[in-house]
């Protein structure tokens, strides 16, 4: 009888023929290692998106406001990250979740909040 070995720890695999790992611990360890880069990258992007959303939410008192590029950048806003883009009348509206910004001119932005 040929004993299959766990690719994570090398111990024999007992049980079902299609089982790939000897235990849940080995399965979790192997999958965590495999997804490590993706998870770190996604975590980093989500932190940036959350920060962008928080900056916008602090600057939009009710439904809309106008603010300078400098003010957004001072608060750590990163313009290259957004969750969606919608067509505006003059220029696109970039959204970080429910808060959006639209460029009015080179240094001025119109901030909006989506109605639910």
N, C-alpha and C. Protein backbone atom coordinates (compact mmCIF):
# COMPACT_ATOMS: atom_id res chain seq x y z
N UNK A 1 0.84 -1.17 0.00
CA UNK A 1 0.00 0.00 0.00
C UNK A 1 0.90 1.24 0.00
N UNK A 2 0.62 2.16 -0.93
CA UNK A 2 1.40 3.37 -1.07
C UNK A 2 0.82 4.45 -0.17
N UNK A 3 1.62 4.93 0.80
CA UNK A 3 1.16 5.98 1.70
C UNK A 3 1.42 7.35 1.08
N UNK A 4 0.38 8.15 1.05
CA UNK A 4 0.53 9.51 0.55
C UNK A 4 1.10 10.36 1.68
N UNK A 5 1.89 11.35 1.30
CA UNK A 5 2.51 12.22 2.30
C UNK A 5 1.94 13.63 2.19
N UNK A 6 1.80 14.27 3.33
CA UNK A 6 1.30 15.64 3.40
C UNK A 6 2.34 16.57 2.77
N UNK A 7 1.94 17.41 1.81
CA UNK A 7 2.90 18.32 1.19
C UNK A 7 3.42 19.40 2.14
N UNK A 8 2.74 19.61 3.26
CA UNK A 8 3.14 20.64 4.21
C UNK A 8 4.14 20.13 5.23
N UNK A 9 3.85 18.98 5.84
CA UNK A 9 4.71 18.49 6.93
C UNK A 9 5.38 17.15 6.64
N UNK A 10 4.92 16.43 5.61
CA UNK A 10 5.53 15.17 5.25
C UNK A 10 4.97 13.94 5.96
N UNK A 11 4.04 14.13 6.87
CA UNK A 11 3.44 12.98 7.57
C UNK A 11 2.49 12.25 6.63
N UNK A 12 2.20 10.97 6.93
CA UNK A 12 1.27 10.22 6.09
C UNK A 12 -0.15 10.78 6.18
N UNK A 13 -0.86 10.72 5.05
CA UNK A 13 -2.24 11.19 5.00
C UNK A 13 -3.15 9.99 5.17
N UNK A 14 -4.00 10.05 6.19
CA UNK A 14 -4.95 8.98 6.46
C UNK A 14 -6.36 9.47 6.16
N UNK A 15 -7.21 8.58 5.70
CA UNK A 15 -8.60 8.96 5.46
C UNK A 15 -8.96 8.91 3.99
N UNK A 16 -9.76 9.85 3.57
CA UNK A 16 -10.29 9.86 2.21
C UNK A 16 -9.17 9.88 1.17
N UNK A 17 -9.46 9.27 0.02
CA UNK A 17 -8.46 9.18 -1.03
C UNK A 17 -8.15 10.54 -1.67
N UNK A 18 -9.12 11.46 -1.65
CA UNK A 18 -8.89 12.76 -2.26
C UNK A 18 -8.38 13.81 -1.28
N UNK A 19 -8.08 13.41 -0.06
CA UNK A 19 -7.55 14.32 0.95
C UNK A 19 -6.13 14.73 0.57
N UNK A 20 -5.82 16.02 0.68
CA UNK A 20 -4.50 16.51 0.26
C UNK A 20 -3.55 16.78 1.41
N UNK A 21 -4.09 17.04 2.60
CA UNK A 21 -3.26 17.37 3.75
C UNK A 21 -3.63 16.46 4.91
N UNK A 22 -2.70 16.30 5.84
CA UNK A 22 -2.92 15.39 6.96
C UNK A 22 -3.84 15.99 8.02
N UNK A 23 -3.94 17.33 8.10
CA UNK A 23 -4.76 17.96 9.13
C UNK A 23 -5.24 19.33 8.65
N UNK A 24 -6.20 19.88 9.38
CA UNK A 24 -6.68 21.22 9.08
C UNK A 24 -5.56 22.24 9.25
N UNK A 25 -4.73 22.03 10.25
CA UNK A 25 -3.62 22.95 10.50
C UNK A 25 -2.70 23.03 9.27
N UNK A 26 -2.33 21.89 8.71
CA UNK A 26 -1.46 21.88 7.52
C UNK A 26 -2.16 22.51 6.32
N UNK A 27 -3.45 22.26 6.16
CA UNK A 27 -4.21 22.84 5.05
C UNK A 27 -4.25 24.36 5.18
N UNK A 28 -4.53 24.86 6.39
CA UNK A 28 -4.58 26.30 6.61
C UNK A 28 -3.20 26.94 6.39
N UNK A 29 -2.18 26.31 6.90
CA UNK A 29 -0.82 26.84 6.75
C UNK A 29 -0.44 26.94 5.28
N UNK A 30 -0.72 25.90 4.50
CA UNK A 30 -0.38 25.89 3.08
C UNK A 30 -1.17 26.97 2.32
N UNK A 31 -2.46 27.09 2.62
CA UNK A 31 -3.28 28.09 1.92
C UNK A 31 -2.89 29.52 2.32
N UNK A 32 -2.56 29.73 3.59
CA UNK A 32 -2.12 31.05 4.02
C UNK A 32 -0.82 31.46 3.33
N UNK A 33 0.09 30.53 3.20
CA UNK A 33 1.35 30.82 2.53
C UNK A 33 1.10 31.13 1.06
N UNK A 34 0.22 30.37 0.43
CA UNK A 34 -0.09 30.56 -0.99
C UNK A 34 -0.72 31.94 -1.24
N UNK A 35 -1.58 32.39 -0.33
CA UNK A 35 -2.32 33.65 -0.52
C UNK A 35 -1.67 34.83 0.18
N UNK A 36 -0.52 34.66 0.77
CA UNK A 36 0.13 35.71 1.56
C UNK A 36 0.31 37.00 0.77
N UNK A 37 0.88 36.95 -0.42
CA UNK A 37 1.14 38.14 -1.21
C UNK A 37 -0.18 38.84 -1.56
N UNK A 38 -1.14 38.07 -2.04
CA UNK A 38 -2.44 38.64 -2.43
C UNK A 38 -3.11 39.30 -1.24
N UNK A 39 -3.11 38.64 -0.10
CA UNK A 39 -3.77 39.19 1.09
C UNK A 39 -3.09 40.48 1.55
N UNK A 40 -1.76 40.53 1.54
CA UNK A 40 -1.04 41.74 1.94
C UNK A 40 -1.32 42.89 0.98
N UNK A 41 -1.33 42.58 -0.31
CA UNK A 41 -1.59 43.60 -1.32
C UNK A 41 -3.01 44.14 -1.14
N UNK A 42 -3.98 43.26 -0.99
CA UNK A 42 -5.37 43.68 -0.81
C UNK A 42 -5.54 44.47 0.49
N UNK A 43 -4.89 44.05 1.54
CA UNK A 43 -4.97 44.75 2.82
C UNK A 43 -4.43 46.18 2.67
N UNK A 44 -3.32 46.32 1.96
CA UNK A 44 -2.72 47.64 1.74
C UNK A 44 -3.67 48.54 0.95
N UNK A 45 -4.27 48.03 -0.11
CA UNK A 45 -5.20 48.81 -0.94
C UNK A 45 -6.43 49.18 -0.12
N UNK A 46 -6.95 48.26 0.67
CA UNK A 46 -8.13 48.55 1.49
C UNK A 46 -7.85 49.63 2.53
N UNK A 47 -6.66 49.64 3.09
CA UNK A 47 -6.28 50.70 4.04
C UNK A 47 -6.31 52.06 3.35
N UNK A 48 -5.78 52.13 2.14
CA UNK A 48 -5.77 53.39 1.38
C UNK A 48 -7.19 53.83 1.05
N UNK A 49 -8.02 52.90 0.58
CA UNK A 49 -9.41 53.24 0.25
C UNK A 49 -10.18 53.72 1.48
N UNK A 50 -9.96 53.06 2.60
CA UNK A 50 -10.64 53.45 3.85
C UNK A 50 -10.20 54.86 4.28
N UNK A 51 -8.90 55.14 4.15
CA UNK A 51 -8.39 56.46 4.49
C UNK A 51 -8.99 57.52 3.57
N UNK A 52 -9.03 57.23 2.26
CA UNK A 52 -9.64 58.16 1.31
C UNK A 52 -11.10 58.44 1.66
N UNK A 53 -11.84 57.40 1.99
CA UNK A 53 -13.25 57.56 2.36
C UNK A 53 -13.39 58.42 3.61
N UNK A 54 -12.54 58.17 4.60
CA UNK A 54 -12.60 58.95 5.84
C UNK A 54 -12.29 60.43 5.60
N UNK A 55 -11.31 60.71 4.76
CA UNK A 55 -10.98 62.10 4.42
C UNK A 55 -12.18 62.78 3.78
N UNK A 56 -12.79 62.10 2.80
CA UNK A 56 -13.95 62.68 2.12
C UNK A 56 -15.12 62.87 3.08
N UNK A 57 -15.35 61.89 3.95
CA UNK A 57 -16.49 61.99 4.88
C UNK A 57 -16.32 63.14 5.87
N UNK A 58 -15.08 63.43 6.25
CA UNK A 58 -14.82 64.56 7.16
C UNK A 58 -15.05 65.91 6.47
N UNK A 59 -14.82 65.96 5.16
CA UNK A 59 -14.90 67.23 4.43
C UNK A 59 -16.26 67.50 3.80
N UNK A 60 -17.15 66.51 3.74
CA UNK A 60 -18.48 66.70 3.18
C UNK A 60 -19.46 66.85 4.34
N UNK A 61 -19.88 68.09 4.66
CA UNK A 61 -20.77 68.30 5.81
C UNK A 61 -22.16 67.70 5.62
N UNK A 62 -22.78 67.90 4.48
CA UNK A 62 -24.14 67.39 4.27
C UNK A 62 -24.16 66.54 3.01
N UNK A 63 -24.34 67.17 1.86
CA UNK A 63 -24.40 66.43 0.61
C UNK A 63 -23.26 66.78 -0.35
N UNK A 64 -22.76 68.02 -0.27
CA UNK A 64 -21.69 68.40 -1.18
C UNK A 64 -20.85 69.53 -0.58
N UNK A 65 -19.65 69.69 -1.12
CA UNK A 65 -18.73 70.74 -0.67
C UNK A 65 -17.67 70.94 -1.75
N UNK A 66 -16.97 72.06 -1.65
CA UNK A 66 -15.84 72.32 -2.55
C UNK A 66 -14.59 72.41 -1.70
N UNK A 67 -13.51 71.81 -2.18
CA UNK A 67 -12.27 71.76 -1.42
C UNK A 67 -11.08 71.76 -2.38
N UNK A 68 -9.95 72.25 -1.90
CA UNK A 68 -8.75 72.32 -2.75
C UNK A 68 -7.99 71.00 -2.73
N UNK A 69 -7.21 70.83 -3.78
CA UNK A 69 -6.36 69.64 -3.88
C UNK A 69 -5.38 69.59 -2.71
N UNK A 70 -4.84 70.73 -2.34
CA UNK A 70 -3.87 70.80 -1.25
C UNK A 70 -4.47 70.29 0.06
N UNK A 71 -5.70 70.69 0.34
CA UNK A 71 -6.36 70.27 1.57
C UNK A 71 -6.55 68.75 1.61
N UNK A 72 -6.91 68.16 0.47
CA UNK A 72 -7.06 66.71 0.40
C UNK A 72 -5.70 66.01 0.60
N UNK A 73 -4.68 66.51 -0.08
CA UNK A 73 -3.35 65.90 0.01
C UNK A 73 -2.76 66.03 1.40
N UNK A 74 -3.01 67.15 2.08
CA UNK A 74 -2.51 67.33 3.44
C UNK A 74 -3.08 66.28 4.39
N UNK A 75 -4.29 65.83 4.11
CA UNK A 75 -4.94 64.82 4.95
C UNK A 75 -4.59 63.40 4.54
N UNK A 76 -3.73 63.23 3.53
CA UNK A 76 -3.27 61.91 3.13
C UNK A 76 -4.10 61.27 2.03
N UNK A 77 -4.90 62.05 1.33
CA UNK A 77 -5.75 61.51 0.26
C UNK A 77 -4.89 61.10 -0.93
N UNK A 78 -5.17 59.93 -1.51
CA UNK A 78 -4.43 59.44 -2.68
C UNK A 78 -5.40 59.35 -3.85
N UNK A 79 -5.20 60.21 -4.84
CA UNK A 79 -6.13 60.34 -5.96
C UNK A 79 -6.16 59.12 -6.89
N UNK A 80 -5.12 58.31 -6.87
CA UNK A 80 -5.07 57.18 -7.80
C UNK A 80 -5.89 55.98 -7.35
N UNK A 81 -6.53 56.05 -6.16
CA UNK A 81 -7.31 54.93 -5.64
C UNK A 81 -8.77 55.32 -5.48
N UNK A 82 -9.67 54.56 -6.09
CA UNK A 82 -11.11 54.78 -5.93
C UNK A 82 -11.83 53.44 -6.10
N UNK A 83 -13.10 53.40 -5.72
CA UNK A 83 -13.86 52.16 -5.83
C UNK A 83 -14.73 52.11 -7.08
N UNK A 84 -15.13 53.29 -7.59
CA UNK A 84 -15.93 53.33 -8.82
C UNK A 84 -15.84 54.71 -9.46
N UNK A 85 -16.26 54.77 -10.72
CA UNK A 85 -16.26 56.03 -11.47
C UNK A 85 -17.62 56.15 -12.15
N UNK A 86 -18.22 57.34 -12.03
CA UNK A 86 -19.49 57.60 -12.71
C UNK A 86 -19.32 58.80 -13.63
N UNK A 87 -20.12 58.82 -14.67
CA UNK A 87 -20.06 59.91 -15.62
C UNK A 87 -20.72 61.15 -15.02
N UNK A 88 -20.00 62.25 -15.03
CA UNK A 88 -20.54 63.53 -14.56
C UNK A 88 -20.88 64.41 -15.75
N UNK A 89 -21.47 65.56 -15.48
CA UNK A 89 -21.85 66.48 -16.57
C UNK A 89 -20.62 67.00 -17.30
N UNK A 90 -19.60 67.41 -16.54
CA UNK A 90 -18.40 67.99 -17.16
C UNK A 90 -17.20 67.07 -17.10
N UNK A 91 -17.07 66.34 -16.00
CA UNK A 91 -15.93 65.42 -15.83
C UNK A 91 -16.37 64.24 -14.99
N UNK A 92 -15.61 63.14 -14.99
CA UNK A 92 -16.01 61.97 -14.22
C UNK A 92 -16.01 62.23 -12.71
N UNK A 93 -16.85 61.48 -12.01
CA UNK A 93 -16.91 61.55 -10.55
C UNK A 93 -16.29 60.26 -10.04
N UNK A 94 -15.23 60.38 -9.27
CA UNK A 94 -14.54 59.23 -8.70
C UNK A 94 -15.07 59.00 -7.29
N UNK A 95 -15.43 57.75 -6.98
CA UNK A 95 -16.01 57.43 -5.67
C UNK A 95 -15.09 56.54 -4.85
N UNK A 96 -15.07 56.81 -3.56
CA UNK A 96 -14.52 55.92 -2.55
C UNK A 96 -15.73 55.51 -1.71
N UNK A 97 -16.29 54.38 -2.09
CA UNK A 97 -17.54 53.91 -1.51
C UNK A 97 -18.65 54.92 -1.79
N UNK A 98 -19.29 55.53 -0.79
CA UNK A 98 -20.41 56.44 -1.08
C UNK A 98 -20.00 57.89 -1.23
N UNK A 99 -18.74 58.22 -1.02
CA UNK A 99 -18.24 59.59 -1.14
C UNK A 99 -17.48 59.75 -2.45
N UNK A 100 -17.74 60.85 -3.15
CA UNK A 100 -17.09 61.05 -4.43
C UNK A 100 -16.46 62.42 -4.56
N UNK A 101 -15.60 62.55 -5.57
CA UNK A 101 -14.96 63.83 -5.86
C UNK A 101 -14.89 64.02 -7.36
N UNK A 102 -15.11 65.26 -7.78
CA UNK A 102 -15.09 65.62 -9.19
C UNK A 102 -14.19 66.84 -9.35
N UNK A 103 -13.28 66.76 -10.29
CA UNK A 103 -12.35 67.87 -10.51
C UNK A 103 -13.06 69.00 -11.24
N UNK A 104 -13.06 70.18 -10.62
CA UNK A 104 -13.66 71.37 -11.25
C UNK A 104 -12.61 72.13 -12.05
N UNK A 105 -11.45 72.31 -11.48
CA UNK A 105 -10.29 72.83 -12.20
C UNK A 105 -9.05 72.20 -11.58
N UNK A 106 -7.89 72.68 -11.94
CA UNK A 106 -6.65 72.01 -11.53
C UNK A 106 -6.49 71.86 -10.02
N UNK A 107 -7.02 72.81 -9.24
CA UNK A 107 -6.82 72.76 -7.80
C UNK A 107 -8.12 72.70 -6.98
N UNK A 108 -9.27 72.60 -7.63
CA UNK A 108 -10.53 72.64 -6.90
C UNK A 108 -11.38 71.40 -7.22
N UNK A 109 -11.93 70.80 -6.16
CA UNK A 109 -12.75 69.60 -6.32
C UNK A 109 -14.12 69.81 -5.69
N UNK A 110 -15.11 69.21 -6.31
CA UNK A 110 -16.46 69.19 -5.78
C UNK A 110 -16.64 67.82 -5.12
N UNK A 111 -16.92 67.81 -3.82
CA UNK A 111 -17.12 66.56 -3.08
C UNK A 111 -18.60 66.30 -2.94
N UNK A 112 -19.00 65.05 -3.10
CA UNK A 112 -20.42 64.67 -3.01
C UNK A 112 -20.58 63.40 -2.18
N UNK A 113 -21.79 63.21 -1.70
CA UNK A 113 -22.15 61.96 -1.02
C UNK A 113 -23.35 61.38 -1.76
N UNK A 114 -23.28 60.09 -2.09
CA UNK A 114 -24.39 59.44 -2.77
C UNK A 114 -25.58 59.35 -1.84
N UNK A 115 -26.73 59.58 -2.39
CA UNK A 115 -27.96 59.40 -1.62
C UNK A 115 -28.29 57.91 -1.62
N UNK A 116 -28.77 57.42 -0.51
CA UNK A 116 -29.06 55.97 -0.40
C UNK A 116 -30.42 55.62 -0.91
